[in-house]
Amino acid sequence: MILIIWYVIFVAIGDVLAYLVGLMVERVWGSYPSMVAFIVMYFFVLWVAWVLSVRITEPRRAAA
């Protein structure tokens, strides 16, 4: 359960950042590059959030 909670937190933070970057790209280059940048970052965030969540919730190994 804690894995999903961390995942949702990371995705929420990443999506806000992707939205802000997409907004800045739209103001400079227009709507199409903004859409492409947001979609690429959105799927990248999904992957990175999963990797981070798994690493954080991974059980600690006992010292040998």
PDB file of N, CA and C in Angstrom:
ATOM      1  N   MET A   1       0.819  -1.193   0.000  1.00  0.00           N
ATOM      2  CA  MET A   1       0.000   0.000   0.000  1.00  0.00           C
ATOM      3  C   MET A   1       0.864   1.260   0.000  1.00  0.00           C
ATOM      4  N   ILE A   2       1.950   1.225   0.755  1.00  0.00           N
ATOM      5  CA  ILE A   2       2.821   2.390   0.830  1.00  0.00           C
ATOM      6  C   ILE A   2       3.474   2.674  -0.527  1.00  0.00           C
ATOM      7  N   LEU A   3       3.690   1.628  -1.322  1.00  0.00           N
ATOM      8  CA  LEU A   3       4.251   1.799  -2.661  1.00  0.00           C
ATOM      9  C   LEU A   3       3.336   2.663  -3.520  1.00  0.00           C
ATOM     10  N   ILE A   4       2.066   2.401  -3.470  1.00  0.00           N
ATOM     11  CA  ILE A   4       1.106   3.167  -4.274  1.00  0.00           C
ATOM     12  C   ILE A   4       1.024   4.610  -3.790  1.00  0.00           C
ATOM     13  N   ILE A   5       1.110   4.800  -2.489  1.00  0.00           N
ATOM     14  CA  ILE A   5       1.063   6.164  -1.945  1.00  0.00           C
ATOM     15  C   ILE A   5       2.259   6.969  -2.436  1.00  0.00           C
ATOM     16  N   TRP A   6       3.451   6.386  -2.356  1.00  0.00           N
ATOM     17  CA  TRP A   6       4.644   7.077  -2.871  1.00  0.00           C
ATOM     18  C   TRP A   6       4.519   7.342  -4.373  1.00  0.00           C
ATOM     19  N   TYR A   7       3.998   6.374  -5.102  1.00  0.00           N
ATOM     20  CA  TYR A   7       3.835   6.538  -6.552  1.00  0.00           C
ATOM     21  C   TYR A   7       2.919   7.717  -6.870  1.00  0.00           C
ATOM     22  N   VAL A   8       1.806   7.804  -6.188  1.00  0.00           N
ATOM     23  CA  VAL A   8       0.858   8.902  -6.430  1.00  0.00           C
ATOM     24  C   VAL A   8       1.494  10.244  -6.081  1.00  0.00           C
ATOM     25  N   ILE A   9       2.260  10.289  -5.013  1.00  0.00           N
ATOM     26  CA  ILE A   9       2.935  11.533  -4.628  1.00  0.00           C
ATOM     27  C   ILE A   9       3.928  11.958  -5.709  1.00  0.00           C
ATOM     28  N   PHE A  10       4.760  11.017  -6.162  1.00  0.00           N
ATOM     29  CA  PHE A  10       5.744  11.346  -7.194  1.00  0.00           C
ATOM     30  C   PHE A  10       5.082  11.738  -8.515  1.00  0.00           C
ATOM     31  N   VAL A  11       4.012  11.054  -8.885  1.00  0.00           N
ATOM     32  CA  VAL A  11       3.314  11.389 -10.129  1.00  0.00           C
ATOM     33  C   VAL A  11       2.682  12.782 -10.025  1.00  0.00           C
ATOM     34  N   ALA A  12       2.101  13.104  -8.894  1.00  0.00           N
ATOM     35  CA  ALA A  12       1.485  14.421  -8.720  1.00  0.00           C
ATOM     36  C   ALA A  12       2.521  15.530  -8.838  1.00  0.00           C
ATOM     37  N   ILE A  13       3.661  15.354  -8.188  1.00  0.00           N
ATOM     38  CA  ILE A  13       4.726  16.355  -8.271  1.00  0.00           C
ATOM     39  C   ILE A  13       5.249  16.467  -9.698  1.00  0.00           C
ATOM     40  N   GLY A  14       5.494  15.333 -10.339  1.00  0.00           N
ATOM     41  CA  GLY A  14       6.006  15.335 -11.710  1.00  0.00           C
ATOM     42  C   GLY A  14       5.025  15.927 -12.703  1.00  0.00           C
ATOM     43  N   ASP A  15       3.730  15.656 -12.514  1.00  0.00           N
ATOM     44  CA  ASP A  15       2.735  16.215 -13.432  1.00  0.00           C
ATOM     45  C   ASP A  15       2.619  17.729 -13.305  1.00  0.00           C
ATOM     46  N   VAL A  16       2.751  18.236 -12.096  1.00  0.00           N
ATOM     47  CA  VAL A  16       2.746  19.693 -11.920  1.00  0.00           C
ATOM     48  C   VAL A  16       3.944  20.305 -12.633  1.00  0.00           C
ATOM     49  N   LEU A  17       5.111  19.683 -12.483  1.00  0.00           N
ATOM     50  CA  LEU A  17       6.302  20.183 -13.180  1.00  0.00           C
ATOM     51  C   LEU A  17       6.153  20.088 -14.696  1.00  0.00           C
ATOM     52  N   ALA A  18       5.587  18.979 -15.182  1.00  0.00           N
ATOM     53  CA  ALA A  18       5.373  18.823 -16.628  1.00  0.00           C
ATOM     54  C   ALA A  18       4.400  19.877 -17.143  1.00  0.00           C
ATOM     55  N   TYR A  19       3.374  20.169 -16.367  1.00  0.00           N
ATOM     56  CA  TYR A  19       2.415  21.201 -16.759  1.00  0.00           C
ATOM     57  C   TYR A  19       3.086  22.566 -16.841  1.00  0.00           C
ATOM     58  N   LEU A  20       3.900  22.899 -15.848  1.00  0.00           N
ATOM     59  CA  LEU A  20       4.559  24.201 -15.843  1.00  0.00           C
ATOM     60  C   LEU A  20       5.549  24.337 -16.993  1.00  0.00           C
ATOM     61  N   VAL A  21       6.292  23.277 -17.266  1.00  0.00           N
ATOM     62  CA  VAL A  21       7.224  23.319 -18.400  1.00  0.00           C
ATOM     63  C   VAL A  21       6.440  23.440 -19.703  1.00  0.00           C
ATOM     64  N   GLY A  22       5.348  22.690 -19.830  1.00  0.00           N
ATOM     65  CA  GLY A  22       4.516  22.798 -21.028  1.00  0.00           C
ATOM     66  C   GLY A  22       3.945  24.183 -21.204  1.00  0.00           C
ATOM     67  N   LEU A  23       3.577  24.828 -20.115  1.00  0.00           N
ATOM     68  CA  LEU A  23       3.057  26.192 -20.180  1.00  0.00           C
ATOM     69  C   LEU A  23       4.122  27.168 -20.659  1.00  0.00           C
ATOM     70  N   MET A  24       5.352  26.994 -20.157  1.00  0.00           N
ATOM     71  CA  MET A  24       6.441  27.869 -20.603  1.00  0.00           C
ATOM     72  C   MET A  24       6.776  27.631 -22.072  1.00  0.00           C
ATOM     73  N   VAL A  25       6.774  26.377 -22.487  1.00  0.00           N
ATOM     74  CA  VAL A  25       7.049  26.067 -23.896  1.00  0.00           C
ATOM     75  C   VAL A  25       5.964  26.662 -24.785  1.00  0.00           C
ATOM     76  N   GLU A  26       4.716  26.622 -24.344  1.00  0.00           N
ATOM     77  CA  GLU A  26       3.621  27.176 -25.149  1.00  0.00           C
ATOM     78  C   GLU A  26       3.762  28.679 -25.330  1.00  0.00           C
ATOM     79  N   ARG A  27       4.213  29.364 -24.314  1.00  0.00           N
ATOM     80  CA  ARG A  27       4.371  30.820 -24.430  1.00  0.00           C
ATOM     81  C   ARG A  27       5.500  31.206 -25.370  1.00  0.00           C
ATOM     82  N   VAL A  28       6.495  30.323 -25.505  1.00  0.00           N
ATOM     83  CA  VAL A  28       7.644  30.644 -26.354  1.00  0.00           C
ATOM     84  C   VAL A  28       7.449  30.119 -27.773  1.00  0.00           C
ATOM     85  N   TRP A  29       7.050  28.845 -27.925  1.00  0.00           N
ATOM     86  CA  TRP A  29       7.023  28.214 -29.240  1.00  0.00           C
ATOM     87  C   TRP A  29       5.636  27.857 -29.758  1.00  0.00           C
ATOM     88  N   GLY A  30       4.606  27.943 -28.963  1.00  0.00           N
ATOM     89  CA  GLY A  30       3.262  27.642 -29.447  1.00  0.00           C
ATOM     90  C   GLY A  30       2.679  26.373 -28.854  1.00  0.00           C
ATOM     91  N   SER A  31       1.481  26.038 -29.320  1.00  0.00           N
ATOM     92  CA  SER A  31       0.728  24.954 -28.685  1.00  0.00           C
ATOM     93  C   SER A  31       1.211  23.553 -29.079  1.00  0.00           C
ATOM     94  N   TYR A  32       1.602  23.348 -30.342  1.00  0.00           N
ATOM     95  CA  TYR A  32       2.019  22.004 -30.749  1.00  0.00           C
ATOM     96  C   TYR A  32       3.288  21.542 -30.036  1.00  0.00           C
ATOM     97  N   PRO A  33       4.365  22.343 -30.018  1.00  0.00           N
ATOM     98  CA  PRO A  33       5.549  21.909 -29.253  1.00  0.00           C
ATOM     99  C   PRO A  33       5.242  21.741 -27.761  1.00  0.00           C
ATOM    100  N   SER A  34       4.330  22.548 -27.245  1.00  0.00           N
ATOM    101  CA  SER A  34       3.935  22.421 -25.853  1.00  0.00           C
ATOM    102  C   SER A  34       3.271  21.074 -25.586  1.00  0.00           C
ATOM    103  N   MET A  35       2.381  20.666 -26.486  1.00  0.00           N
ATOM    104  CA  MET A  35       1.700  19.387 -26.328  1.00  0.00           C
ATOM    105  C   MET A  35       2.700  18.231 -26.391  1.00  0.00           C
ATOM    106  N   VAL A  36       3.620  18.292 -27.327  1.00  0.00           N
ATOM    107  CA  VAL A  36       4.632  17.239 -27.466  1.00  0.00           C
ATOM    108  C   VAL A  36       5.508  17.183 -26.218  1.00  0.00           C
ATOM    109  N   ALA A  37       5.945  18.334 -25.743  1.00  0.00           N
ATOM    110  CA  ALA A  37       6.795  18.368 -24.546  1.00  0.00           C
ATOM    111  C   ALA A  37       6.050  17.815 -23.338  1.00  0.00           C
ATOM    112  N   PHE A  38       4.781  18.190 -23.179  1.00  0.00           N
ATOM    113  CA  PHE A  38       4.017  17.712 -22.032  1.00  0.00           C
ATOM    114  C   PHE A  38       3.809  16.205 -22.090  1.00  0.00           C
ATOM    115  N   ILE A  39       3.449  15.677 -23.247  1.00  0.00           N
ATOM    116  CA  ILE A  39       3.187  14.236 -23.360  1.00  0.00           C
ATOM    117  C   ILE A  39       4.459  13.426 -23.099  1.00  0.00           C
ATOM    118  N   VAL A  40       5.572  13.880 -23.641  1.00  0.00           N
ATOM    119  CA  VAL A  40       6.839  13.176 -23.404  1.00  0.00           C
ATOM    120  C   VAL A  40       7.188  13.210 -21.926  1.00  0.00           C
ATOM    121  N   MET A  41       7.060  14.370 -21.308  1.00  0.00           N
ATOM    122  CA  MET A  41       7.377  14.474 -19.890  1.00  0.00           C
ATOM    123  C   MET A  41       6.390  13.690 -19.029  1.00  0.00           C
ATOM    124  N   TYR A  42       5.132  13.650 -19.433  1.00  0.00           N
ATOM    125  CA  TYR A  42       4.114  12.922 -18.679  1.00  0.00           C
ATOM    126  C   TYR A  42       4.457  11.437 -18.580  1.00  0.00           C
ATOM    127  N   PHE A  43       4.775  10.824 -19.722  1.00  0.00           N
ATOM    128  CA  PHE A  43       5.111   9.406 -19.694  1.00  0.00           C
ATOM    129  C   PHE A  43       6.453   9.145 -19.027  1.00  0.00           C
ATOM    130  N   PHE A  44       7.381  10.077 -19.144  1.00  0.00           N
ATOM    131  CA  PHE A  44       8.650   9.957 -18.439  1.00  0.00           C
ATOM    132  C   PHE A  44       8.432  10.009 -16.932  1.00  0.00           C
ATOM    133  N   VAL A  45       7.539  10.877 -16.485  1.00  0.00           N
ATOM    134  CA  VAL A  45       7.218  10.993 -15.064  1.00  0.00           C
ATOM    135  C   VAL A  45       6.616   9.698 -14.539  1.00  0.00           C
ATOM    136  N   LEU A  46       5.748   9.069 -15.317  1.00  0.00           N
ATOM    137  CA  LEU A  46       5.155   7.807 -14.879  1.00  0.00           C
ATOM    138  C   LEU A  46       6.231   6.757 -14.620  1.00  0.00           C
ATOM    139  N   TRP A  47       7.202   6.674 -15.511  1.00  0.00           N
ATOM    140  CA  TRP A  47       8.279   5.700 -15.370  1.00  0.00           C
ATOM    141  C   TRP A  47       9.190   6.045 -14.181  1.00  0.00           C
ATOM    142  N   VAL A  48       9.618   7.294 -14.092  1.00  0.00           N
ATOM    143  CA  VAL A  48      10.515   7.706 -13.012  1.00  0.00           C
ATOM    144  C   VAL A  48       9.835   7.569 -11.649  1.00  0.00           C
ATOM    145  N   ALA A  49       8.554   7.909 -11.577  1.00  0.00           N
ATOM    146  CA  ALA A  49       7.828   7.779 -10.313  1.00  0.00           C
ATOM    147  C   ALA A  49       7.785   6.328  -9.864  1.00  0.00           C
ATOM    148  N   TRP A  50       7.602   5.415 -10.802  1.00  0.00           N
ATOM    149  CA  TRP A  50       7.572   4.000 -10.432  1.00  0.00           C
ATOM    150  C   TRP A  50       8.935   3.533  -9.925  1.00  0.00           C
ATOM    151  N   VAL A  51       9.986   3.899 -10.622  1.00  0.00           N
ATOM    152  CA  VAL A  51      11.339   3.503 -10.215  1.00  0.00           C
ATOM    153  C   VAL A  51      11.664   4.063  -8.829  1.00  0.00           C
ATOM    154  N   LEU A  52      11.365   5.332  -8.595  1.00  0.00           N
ATOM    155  CA  LEU A  52      11.631   5.930  -7.287  1.00  0.00           C
ATOM    156  C   LEU A  52      10.803   5.285  -6.189  1.00  0.00           C
ATOM    157  N   SER A  53       9.558   5.003  -6.473  1.00  0.00           N
ATOM    158  CA  SER A  53       8.684   4.386  -5.470  1.00  0.00           C
ATOM    159  C   SER A  53       9.174   3.005  -5.076  1.00  0.00           C
ATOM    160  N   VAL A  54       9.598   2.230  -6.063  1.00  0.00           N
ATOM    161  CA  VAL A  54      10.106   0.892  -5.766  1.00  0.00           C
ATOM    162  C   VAL A  54      11.391   0.973  -4.953  1.00  0.00           C
ATOM    163  N   ARG A  55      12.263   1.901  -5.299  1.00  0.00           N
ATOM    164  CA  ARG A  55      13.520   2.028  -4.547  1.00  0.00           C
ATOM    165  C   ARG A  55      13.280   2.476  -3.117  1.00  0.00           C
ATOM    166  N   ILE A  56      12.350   3.382  -2.910  1.00  0.00           N
ATOM    167  CA  ILE A  56      12.081   3.875  -1.554  1.00  0.00           C
ATOM    168  C   ILE A  56      11.456   2.792  -0.687  1.00  0.00           C
ATOM    169  N   THR A  57      10.568   2.002  -1.255  1.00  0.00           N
ATOM    170  CA  THR A  57       9.855   1.000  -0.464  1.00  0.00           C
ATOM    171  C   THR A  57      10.553  -0.361  -0.440  1.00  0.00           C
ATOM    172  N   GLU A  58      11.697  -0.461  -1.069  1.00  0.00           N
ATOM    173  CA  GLU A  58      12.438  -1.728  -1.076  1.00  0.00           C
ATOM    174  C   GLU A  58      12.888  -2.073   0.343  1.00  0.00           C
ATOM    175  N   PRO A  59      12.686  -3.318   0.757  1.00  0.00           N
ATOM    176  CA  PRO A  59      13.103  -3.706   2.113  1.00  0.00           C
ATOM    177  C   PRO A  59      14.619  -3.565   2.274  1.00  0.00           C
ATOM    178  N   ARG A  60      15.029  -3.125   3.447  1.00  0.00           N
ATOM    179  CA  ARG A  60      16.452  -2.967   3.742  1.00  0.00           C
ATOM    180  C   ARG A  60      17.075  -4.349   3.954  1.00  0.00           C
ATOM    181  N   ARG A  61      18.293  -4.510   3.478  1.00  0.00           N
ATOM    182  CA  ARG A  61      18.995  -5.778   3.658  1.00  0.00           C
ATOM    183  C   ARG A  61      19.779  -5.735   4.970  1.00  0.00           C
ATOM    184  N   ALA A  62      19.782  -6.822   5.671  1.00  0.00           N
ATOM    185  CA  ALA A  62      20.521  -6.908   6.939  1.00  0.00           C
ATOM    186  C   ALA A  62      22.007  -6.999   6.654  1.00  0.00           C
ATOM    187  N   ALA A  63      22.799  -6.397   7.483  1.00  0.00           N
ATOM    188  CA  ALA A  63      24.254  -6.441   7.314  1.00  0.00           C
ATOM    189  C   ALA A  63      24.756  -7.850   7.617  1.00  0.00           C
ATOM    190  N   ALA A  64      25.608  -8.343   6.746  1.00  0.00           N
ATOM    191  CA  ALA A  64      26.104  -9.722   6.916  1.00  0.00           C
ATOM    192  C   ALA A  64      27.229  -9.795   7.914  1.00  0.00           C
TER     193      ALA A  64
END
